[in-house]
Amino acid sequence: MKQLRIFPKSSSIRNPDSLLRLFVIIALVSTFVITIAAGLVFVEVLQRHVIRNAEEDAIKVSSALLATDRARLTARQADGSVKVAVASADLPEMDRHFRKFLSPFDIVKIKIYSADSTIVYSTEASLIGKVDNHNSRLDHALEGLFDSKLERKEEVKDLASEMKFNVDVVETYIPIWDNGQVIGSFEVYIDVTEYRHDTANTASLALGALAGILVVVFGISYFLVRKGTREIKEIQEVLKKQTMTDALTGTFNKGQIELLACKEFARCVRRNEKGLGDADLGFIMIDIDRFKEVNDNYGHLAGDVLLQQFAARIARSLRNYDSIGRFGGEEFLVMLPGSDLEQTRAVAQKIWSLLREEPYLVDGREIDLTASLGAAAVKEGDADLLHVLKRADQRLYAAKSAGRDRVV
């Protein structure tokens, strides 16, 4: 039988399968976004931790250097003020002392600036005496602020004058104070490359664990949602069936068979207007003869069983694209797409014969039933479906008036 789609697939609310697919998409996108976002946050937190630790080490080292070599790193002026300055004669000895002192640490380079941004000492000797006037980070240090930053260096020369490549360093500027005044700054380069690998490994493990947890959580949620959508589908199927079918006979109800008939009639009209073939449509009105006597003699429960068997016999005689609906108490309407009047009459004769050829069985009792049938088909000039159904109904009553148990 032709079915009417009540629940359009375009609606994810009405279609539980679409809702389930939407959940899967959201779960996959959420897992990806959460993992990426967590990874970025995790790496940022680890980098900040590395920078903070490197800054603390740089402050400790510079404080120790200043404490042991303040006399060689500073000079008192005629006005009594102190400035950062290193005598040329002291540079070789101070450089050897600094390198020996710094060798146990992961320091690859160190610079010392005076208040006018001049480099008074550096483990890279070629930089001594140069002025760094456009260094905003140095300016922060000369204002009394610590400034640390993680950077990737393609190459850098360490304290042993050996070149190191693709190195992560934390550059830290540390102000040098004297009597409440900033008189210069240290710039300390600490090699944190090994922490990069640790960070990457830790982040990978953490993100892998997070992704695994999300997969488990969304997986469990998926099965719960799928169970829920299946229940929704079952409920929808029940509701759809109740909306479309007659509860007793399982055929279409009056509203649904009329709706299907209207659609088929409109299709016929369109095909006729375009001059196309296959524009025929037939209808058969069927009514059980003297059904009130059956109810009076055998009871309404028996009558219900007979209606079920009656409808089942009609349905067996139809093609899979024909339709049958209960039009009234014991009245049925059959719709035959593609059938002209002669074909509709032939189907009506077949149904009539099938309905009466053998008795119906109710509670072990055999009951004979006959039926009256009125057949009609769409013809030129039919303005609407009502005209066709009216002819079928008139012919049904003509069959009744002629003595019942026949096709008109």
Protein backbone atom coordinates (compact mmCIF):
# COMPACT_ATOMS: atom_id res chain seq x y z
CA MET A 1 0.00 0.00 0.00
CA LYS A 2 1.14 3.53 -0.63
CA GLN A 3 2.33 5.21 2.52
CA LEU A 4 2.32 8.92 3.31
CA ARG A 5 5.50 10.41 4.79
CA ILE A 6 4.32 12.26 7.86
CA PHE A 7 7.73 13.01 9.36
CA PRO A 8 10.07 14.79 6.91
CA LYS A 9 13.69 13.77 6.93
CA SER A 10 14.79 17.38 6.96
CA SER A 11 13.73 17.74 10.57
CA SER A 12 16.34 16.40 12.99
CA ILE A 13 13.86 16.76 15.82
CA ARG A 14 11.33 14.52 14.07
CA ASN A 15 13.95 12.18 12.66
CA PRO A 16 15.88 10.48 15.50
CA ASP A 17 18.51 9.14 13.07
CA SER A 18 19.38 12.70 12.04
CA LEU A 19 19.58 13.63 15.71
CA LEU A 20 22.00 10.74 16.31
CA ARG A 21 24.16 11.76 13.35
CA LEU A 22 24.19 15.32 14.64
CA PHE A 23 25.33 14.05 18.04
CA VAL A 24 28.21 12.12 16.43
CA ILE A 25 29.32 15.21 14.50
CA ILE A 26 29.14 17.37 17.62
CA ALA A 27 31.06 14.75 19.61
CA LEU A 28 33.84 14.54 17.01
CA VAL A 29 34.12 18.31 16.63
CA SER A 30 33.98 18.79 20.40
CA THR A 31 36.71 16.19 20.97
CA PHE A 32 38.93 17.87 18.37
CA VAL A 33 38.30 21.41 19.65
CA ILE A 34 38.65 20.49 23.33
CA THR A 35 41.87 18.55 22.69
CA ILE A 36 43.42 21.36 20.62
CA ALA A 37 42.32 24.04 23.11
CA ALA A 38 43.56 21.99 26.07
CA GLY A 39 46.84 21.38 24.24
CA LEU A 40 47.38 25.09 23.63
CA VAL A 41 46.55 25.93 27.25
CA PHE A 42 48.72 23.09 28.56
CA VAL A 43 51.72 24.12 26.45
CA GLU A 44 51.25 27.74 27.49
CA VAL A 45 51.15 26.76 31.18
CA LEU A 46 54.28 24.62 30.83
CA GLN A 47 56.10 27.37 28.96
CA ARG A 48 55.21 29.88 31.64
CA HIS A 49 56.49 27.43 34.23
CA VAL A 50 59.78 27.04 32.34
CA ILE A 51 60.13 30.81 31.93
CA ARG A 52 59.40 31.43 35.60
CA ASN A 53 61.96 28.85 36.74
CA ALA A 54 64.56 30.16 34.29
CA GLU A 55 63.91 33.72 35.49
CA GLU A 56 64.40 32.69 39.12
CA ASP A 57 67.68 30.94 38.20
CA ALA A 58 68.83 34.00 36.27
CA ILE A 59 68.06 36.29 39.21
CA LYS A 60 69.98 34.02 41.59
CA VAL A 61 73.00 33.81 39.26
CA SER A 62 73.11 37.55 38.58
CA SER A 63 72.70 38.34 42.27
CA ALA A 64 75.61 36.02 43.10
CA LEU A 65 77.79 37.58 40.40
CA LEU A 66 76.98 41.06 41.61
CA ALA A 67 77.72 40.11 45.21
CA THR A 68 81.15 38.62 44.42
CA ASP A 69 82.26 41.10 41.75
CA ARG A 70 80.51 44.37 42.59
CA ALA A 71 83.88 46.12 42.93
CA ARG A 72 84.85 45.22 39.35
CA LEU A 73 81.36 45.79 37.95
CA THR A 74 80.77 49.27 39.37
CA ALA A 75 82.69 52.53 39.69
CA ARG A 76 82.03 55.50 41.95
CA GLN A 77 81.78 58.90 40.25
CA ALA A 78 83.15 62.25 41.44
CA ASP A 79 79.68 63.26 42.62
CA GLY A 80 79.46 60.15 44.81
CA SER A 81 77.04 58.25 42.55
CA VAL A 82 77.71 54.69 41.36
CA LYS A 83 77.52 53.46 37.78
CA VAL A 84 78.04 50.11 36.08
CA ALA A 85 81.47 50.11 34.47
CA VAL A 86 84.25 47.60 33.91
CA ALA A 87 87.84 48.63 33.45
CA SER A 88 89.50 47.19 30.36
CA ALA A 89 92.31 45.76 32.48
CA ASP A 90 89.80 43.81 34.61
CA LEU A 91 87.94 42.23 31.71
CA PRO A 92 90.19 39.14 31.14
CA GLU A 93 90.24 38.12 34.78
CA MET A 94 86.55 38.86 35.28
CA ASP A 95 85.68 36.89 32.15
CA ARG A 96 87.60 33.83 33.37
CA HIS A 97 85.91 34.10 36.77
CA PHE A 98 82.44 34.47 35.24
CA ARG A 99 82.87 31.51 32.91
CA LYS A 100 84.12 29.29 35.72
CA PHE A 101 81.28 30.41 37.96
CA LEU A 102 78.63 29.92 35.26
CA SER A 103 79.88 26.58 33.89
CA PRO A 104 77.68 24.37 36.18
CA PHE A 105 74.55 26.18 34.97
CA ASP A 106 72.69 26.00 31.65
CA ILE A 107 73.74 29.56 30.82
CA VAL A 108 74.92 30.08 27.26
CA LYS A 109 75.50 33.84 27.32
CA ILE A 110 75.44 36.81 29.65
CA LYS A 111 75.55 40.56 29.07
CA ILE A 112 75.87 43.45 31.47
CA TYR A 113 74.53 46.89 30.53
CA SER A 114 75.19 50.32 32.01
CA ALA A 115 72.37 52.80 32.56
CA ASP A 116 72.96 54.31 29.08
CA SER A 117 72.35 50.88 27.41
CA THR A 118 76.04 50.29 26.72
CA ILE A 119 77.26 46.70 26.95
CA VAL A 120 80.13 46.84 29.45
CA TYR A 121 80.64 43.08 29.53
CA SER A 122 79.51 40.00 27.54
CA THR A 123 80.67 36.44 27.24
CA GLU A 124 80.56 37.24 23.51
CA ALA A 125 83.49 39.67 23.54
CA SER A 126 82.65 41.30 20.19
CA LEU A 127 79.53 42.90 21.76
CA ILE A 128 81.42 44.82 24.46
CA GLY A 129 81.15 48.56 23.98
CA LYS A 130 78.08 48.45 21.73
CA VAL A 131 74.98 50.47 22.61
CA ASP A 132 71.52 48.88 22.43
CA ASN A 133 69.26 51.93 22.18
CA HIS A 134 66.13 50.35 20.69
CA ASN A 135 65.59 47.45 23.05
CA SER A 136 62.23 47.82 24.77
CA ARG A 137 62.91 44.89 27.07
CA LEU A 138 66.17 46.47 28.22
CA ASP A 139 64.23 49.69 28.78
CA HIS A 140 61.86 47.79 31.09
CA ALA A 141 64.83 46.48 33.08
CA LEU A 142 66.34 49.95 33.38
CA GLU A 143 62.95 51.03 34.77
CA GLY A 144 63.32 48.39 37.49
CA LEU A 145 61.29 45.54 35.98
CA PHE A 146 62.19 41.91 35.32
CA ASP A 147 61.60 40.86 31.72
CA SER A 148 61.79 37.23 30.58
CA LYS A 149 60.94 35.67 27.22
CA LEU A 150 61.26 32.21 25.65
CA GLU A 151 62.83 32.29 22.21
CA ARG A 152 64.11 29.80 19.66
CA LYS A 153 67.65 30.51 18.47
CA GLU A 154 68.82 28.92 15.24
CA GLU A 155 72.36 29.10 16.53
CA VAL A 156 74.10 30.40 19.66
CA LYS A 157 77.66 30.22 20.99
CA ASP A 158 77.92 28.81 24.51
CA LEU A 159 80.41 29.64 27.25
CA ALA A 160 82.90 27.15 25.79
CA SER A 161 82.71 29.09 22.48
CA GLU A 162 81.01 26.13 20.79
CA MET A 163 78.08 26.68 18.42
CA LYS A 164 74.74 25.19 19.41
CA PHE A 165 71.89 24.98 16.91
CA ASN A 166 68.11 25.09 17.24
CA VAL A 167 68.26 26.05 20.88
CA ASP A 168 65.41 27.21 23.16
CA VAL A 169 66.62 29.93 25.52
CA VAL A 170 64.94 32.10 28.11
CA GLU A 171 66.31 35.64 27.90
CA THR A 172 65.95 37.44 31.22
CA TYR A 173 66.73 41.10 31.90
CA ILE A 174 67.49 41.79 35.59
CA PRO A 175 67.91 45.36 36.84
CA ILE A 176 71.02 46.27 38.86
CA TRP A 177 70.17 48.45 41.86
CA ASP A 178 72.25 50.75 44.02
CA ASN A 179 70.74 52.83 46.82
CA GLY A 180 67.28 52.63 45.27
CA GLN A 181 68.45 53.56 41.79
CA VAL A 182 68.73 51.32 38.71
CA ILE A 183 72.29 51.69 37.45
CA GLY A 184 72.31 48.91 34.83
CA SER A 185 71.01 45.51 33.85
CA PHE A 186 72.04 41.89 33.40
CA GLU A 187 70.86 39.94 30.35
CA VAL A 188 71.08 36.19 31.01
CA TYR A 189 70.49 33.48 28.40
CA ILE A 190 69.52 30.11 29.92
CA ASP A 191 69.32 27.02 27.70
CA VAL A 192 65.94 25.27 28.27
CA THR A 193 65.99 23.02 25.19
CA GLU A 194 65.74 19.86 27.29
CA TYR A 195 62.54 21.21 28.83
CA ARG A 196 61.06 21.59 25.34
CA HIS A 197 61.26 17.82 24.83
CA ASP A 198 59.89 17.20 28.32
CA THR A 199 57.07 19.63 27.60
CA ALA A 200 56.25 17.96 24.28
CA ASN A 201 56.25 14.47 25.85
CA THR A 202 54.18 15.57 28.83
CA ALA A 203 51.72 17.43 26.62
CA SER A 204 51.39 14.43 24.31
CA LEU A 205 50.66 12.08 27.20
CA ALA A 206 48.21 14.49 28.81
CA LEU A 207 46.38 15.20 25.56
CA GLY A 208 46.29 11.51 24.68
CA ALA A 209 44.74 10.78 28.06
CA LEU A 210 42.27 13.65 27.60
CA ALA A 211 41.29 12.46 24.13
CA GLY A 212 40.83 8.94 25.49
CA ILE A 213 38.59 10.20 28.29
CA LEU A 214 36.52 12.24 25.82
CA VAL A 215 36.14 9.24 23.51
CA VAL A 216 34.95 7.09 26.43
CA VAL A 217 32.56 9.78 27.69
CA PHE A 218 31.13 10.52 24.24
CA GLY A 219 31.05 6.80 23.46
CA ILE A 220 28.93 6.08 26.51
CA SER A 221 26.79 9.11 25.71
CA TYR A 222 26.39 7.86 22.13
CA PHE A 223 24.98 4.52 23.27
CA LEU A 224 22.63 6.28 25.68
CA VAL A 225 21.48 8.71 22.99
CA ARG A 226 21.10 5.87 20.48
CA LYS A 227 18.94 3.98 22.96
CA GLY A 228 16.86 7.10 23.48
CA THR A 229 16.49 7.74 19.74
CA ARG A 230 15.37 4.16 19.20
CA GLU A 231 12.69 4.61 21.83
CA ILE A 232 11.68 7.87 20.17
CA LYS A 233 11.49 6.14 16.79
CA GLU A 234 9.32 3.40 18.24
CA ILE A 235 7.01 5.98 19.80
CA GLN A 236 6.92 7.94 16.53
CA GLU A 237 6.06 4.80 14.59
CA VAL A 238 3.22 4.09 16.99
CA LEU A 239 1.97 7.67 16.76
CA LYS A 240 2.31 7.70 12.99
CA LYS A 241 0.40 4.46 12.72
CA GLN A 242 -2.30 5.79 15.01
CA THR A 243 -2.50 8.94 12.91
CA MET A 244 -2.73 7.10 9.61
CA THR A 245 -4.49 3.82 10.27
CA ASP A 246 -7.72 2.46 11.58
CA ALA A 247 -7.03 0.80 14.92
CA LEU A 248 -9.40 -2.12 14.32
CA THR A 249 -8.66 -3.18 10.74
CA GLY A 250 -5.14 -1.88 10.24
CA THR A 251 -6.19 -0.16 7.00
CA PHE A 252 -5.88 3.57 6.44
CA ASN A 253 -8.41 5.63 8.36
CA LYS A 254 -10.90 7.92 6.61
CA GLY A 255 -8.74 11.04 6.88
CA GLN A 256 -5.63 9.31 5.54
CA ILE A 257 -7.32 7.56 2.60
CA GLU A 258 -8.94 10.88 1.63
CA LEU A 259 -5.54 12.60 1.81
CA LEU A 260 -3.95 9.93 -0.40
CA ALA A 261 -6.87 10.15 -2.81
CA CYS A 262 -6.49 13.94 -3.08
CA LYS A 263 -2.79 13.54 -3.89
CA GLU A 264 -3.43 10.92 -6.56
CA PHE A 265 -6.25 12.99 -8.08
CA ALA A 266 -3.96 16.03 -8.27
CA ARG A 267 -1.30 13.89 -9.96
CA CYS A 268 -3.82 12.71 -12.53
CA VAL A 269 -4.90 16.29 -13.27
CA ARG A 270 -1.29 17.41 -13.77
CA ARG A 271 -0.49 14.51 -16.11
CA ASN A 272 -3.67 15.11 -18.09
CA GLU A 273 -2.83 18.81 -18.47
CA LYS A 274 0.62 17.85 -19.81
CA GLY A 275 -0.88 15.28 -22.17
CA LEU A 276 0.94 12.42 -20.49
CA GLY A 277 -0.23 8.83 -20.18
CA ASP A 278 -0.84 6.89 -17.01
CA ALA A 279 -3.33 9.52 -15.81
CA ASP A 280 -6.06 7.08 -14.76
CA LEU A 281 -7.37 6.63 -11.23
CA GLY A 282 -10.09 4.29 -10.04
CA PHE A 283 -12.09 4.00 -6.80
CA ILE A 284 -14.24 1.23 -5.33
CA MET A 285 -16.73 1.79 -2.51
CA ILE A 286 -17.41 -1.45 -0.58
CA ASP A 287 -20.09 -2.00 2.05
CA ILE A 288 -20.88 -5.22 3.95
CA ASP A 289 -24.47 -6.30 3.38
CA ARG A 290 -26.75 -6.44 6.44
CA PHE A 291 -23.90 -5.94 8.87
CA LYS A 292 -26.30 -4.69 11.55
CA GLU A 293 -27.90 -8.13 11.59
CA VAL A 294 -24.45 -9.69 12.15
CA ASN A 295 -23.90 -7.47 15.19
CA ASP A 296 -27.40 -8.20 16.49
CA ASN A 297 -27.05 -11.97 16.04
CA TYR A 298 -23.43 -12.55 17.01
CA GLY A 299 -22.46 -9.49 19.06
CA HIS A 300 -20.20 -6.53 18.40
CA LEU A 301 -17.01 -8.43 19.28
CA ALA A 302 -17.78 -10.94 16.57
CA GLY A 303 -18.56 -8.05 14.27
CA ASP A 304 -15.10 -6.58 14.95
CA VAL A 305 -13.42 -9.89 14.08
CA LEU A 306 -15.43 -10.06 10.86
CA LEU A 307 -14.38 -6.52 9.92
CA GLN A 308 -10.73 -7.48 10.40
CA GLN A 309 -11.04 -10.58 8.24
CA PHE A 310 -13.07 -8.66 5.64
CA ALA A 311 -10.40 -5.94 5.35
CA ALA A 312 -7.61 -8.53 5.17
CA ARG A 313 -9.30 -10.27 2.20
CA ILE A 314 -9.61 -6.98 0.33
CA ALA A 315 -5.97 -6.10 1.01
CA ARG A 316 -4.78 -9.47 -0.34
CA SER A 317 -6.42 -8.77 -3.67
CA LEU A 318 -4.65 -5.42 -4.23
CA ARG A 319 -1.33 -4.42 -5.75
CA ASN A 320 1.36 -3.07 -3.42
CA TYR A 321 0.76 0.51 -4.63
CA ASP A 322 -3.04 0.36 -4.26
CA SER A 323 -4.61 1.64 -1.05
CA ILE A 324 -7.52 0.68 1.16
CA GLY A 325 -9.12 2.69 3.92
CA ARG A 326 -12.02 2.26 6.31
CA PHE A 327 -14.47 4.92 5.21
CA GLY A 328 -17.17 4.28 7.77
CA GLY A 329 -18.49 1.62 10.14
CA GLU A 330 -18.55 -1.30 7.67
CA GLU A 331 -17.71 0.73 4.55
CA PHE A 332 -14.30 0.69 2.82
CA LEU A 333 -12.75 2.72 0.02
CA VAL A 334 -10.19 1.20 -2.38
CA MET A 335 -7.99 3.47 -4.53
CA LEU A 336 -6.40 2.09 -7.72
CA PRO A 337 -3.73 4.38 -9.26
CA GLY A 338 -3.32 3.87 -13.02
CA SER A 339 -6.67 2.06 -13.44
CA ASP A 340 -9.38 3.22 -15.85
CA LEU A 341 -13.05 2.36 -15.39
CA GLU A 342 -12.84 -1.04 -17.06
CA GLN A 343 -9.78 -2.04 -15.03
CA THR A 344 -11.44 -0.75 -11.86
CA ARG A 345 -14.54 -2.83 -12.63
CA ALA A 346 -12.39 -5.93 -13.10
CA VAL A 347 -10.68 -5.41 -9.74
CA ALA A 348 -14.09 -4.82 -8.12
CA GLN A 349 -15.34 -8.15 -9.51
CA LYS A 350 -12.23 -9.90 -8.18
CA ILE A 351 -12.75 -8.39 -4.71
CA TRP A 352 -16.47 -9.24 -4.74
CA SER A 353 -15.68 -12.84 -5.61
CA LEU A 354 -12.96 -13.14 -2.97
CA LEU A 355 -15.19 -11.69 -0.24
CA ARG A 356 -17.99 -14.18 -0.78
CA GLU A 357 -16.21 -17.34 -1.92
CA GLU A 358 -15.84 -18.90 1.52
CA PRO A 359 -17.36 -18.30 4.99
CA TYR A 360 -15.72 -16.27 7.72
CA LEU A 361 -14.68 -18.05 10.93
CA VAL A 362 -15.51 -16.45 14.29
CA ASP A 363 -15.19 -18.40 17.56
CA GLY A 364 -15.44 -21.68 15.67
CA ARG A 365 -18.59 -20.58 13.82
CA GLU A 366 -18.79 -20.06 10.08
CA ILE A 367 -20.52 -16.88 9.00
CA ASP A 368 -21.37 -16.03 5.41
CA LEU A 369 -21.02 -12.40 4.30
CA THR A 370 -21.74 -10.60 1.07
CA ALA A 371 -20.86 -7.09 -0.01
CA SER A 372 -22.08 -4.42 -2.39
CA LEU A 373 -19.52 -2.53 -4.48
CA GLY A 374 -19.66 0.68 -6.48
CA ALA A 375 -16.84 1.42 -8.95
CA ALA A 376 -15.91 4.72 -10.58
CA ALA A 377 -12.87 6.24 -12.28
CA VAL A 378 -11.64 9.74 -12.97
CA LYS A 379 -12.89 11.05 -16.29
CA GLU A 380 -12.59 14.25 -18.27
CA GLY A 381 -14.63 17.02 -16.69
CA ASP A 382 -14.16 15.93 -13.08
CA ALA A 383 -13.43 19.22 -11.35
CA ASP A 384 -12.43 17.67 -8.09
CA LEU A 385 -12.16 14.38 -6.25
CA LEU A 386 -15.63 14.75 -4.73
CA HIS A 387 -17.26 14.16 -8.11
CA VAL A 388 -15.50 10.80 -8.54
CA LEU A 389 -16.23 9.60 -4.99
CA LYS A 390 -19.83 10.71 -5.34
CA ARG A 391 -20.25 8.52 -8.44
CA ALA A 392 -18.71 5.54 -6.64
CA ASP A 393 -21.03 6.13 -3.68
CA GLN A 394 -24.10 6.43 -5.91
CA ARG A 395 -23.19 3.16 -7.63
CA LEU A 396 -22.75 1.50 -4.24
CA TYR A 397 -26.27 2.50 -3.31
CA ALA A 398 -27.47 1.36 -6.73
CA ALA A 399 -25.98 -2.07 -5.92
CA LYS A 400 -27.80 -2.03 -2.59
CA SER A 401 -31.08 -1.05 -4.24
CA ALA A 402 -30.71 -3.77 -6.88
CA GLY A 403 -30.63 -6.46 -4.19
CA ARG A 404 -27.11 -6.20 -2.74
CA ASP A 405 -24.24 -8.70 -3.28
CA ARG A 406 -23.10 -7.24 -6.61
CA VAL A 407 -20.84 -4.72 -8.38
CA VAL A 408 -22.27 -1.67 -10.14
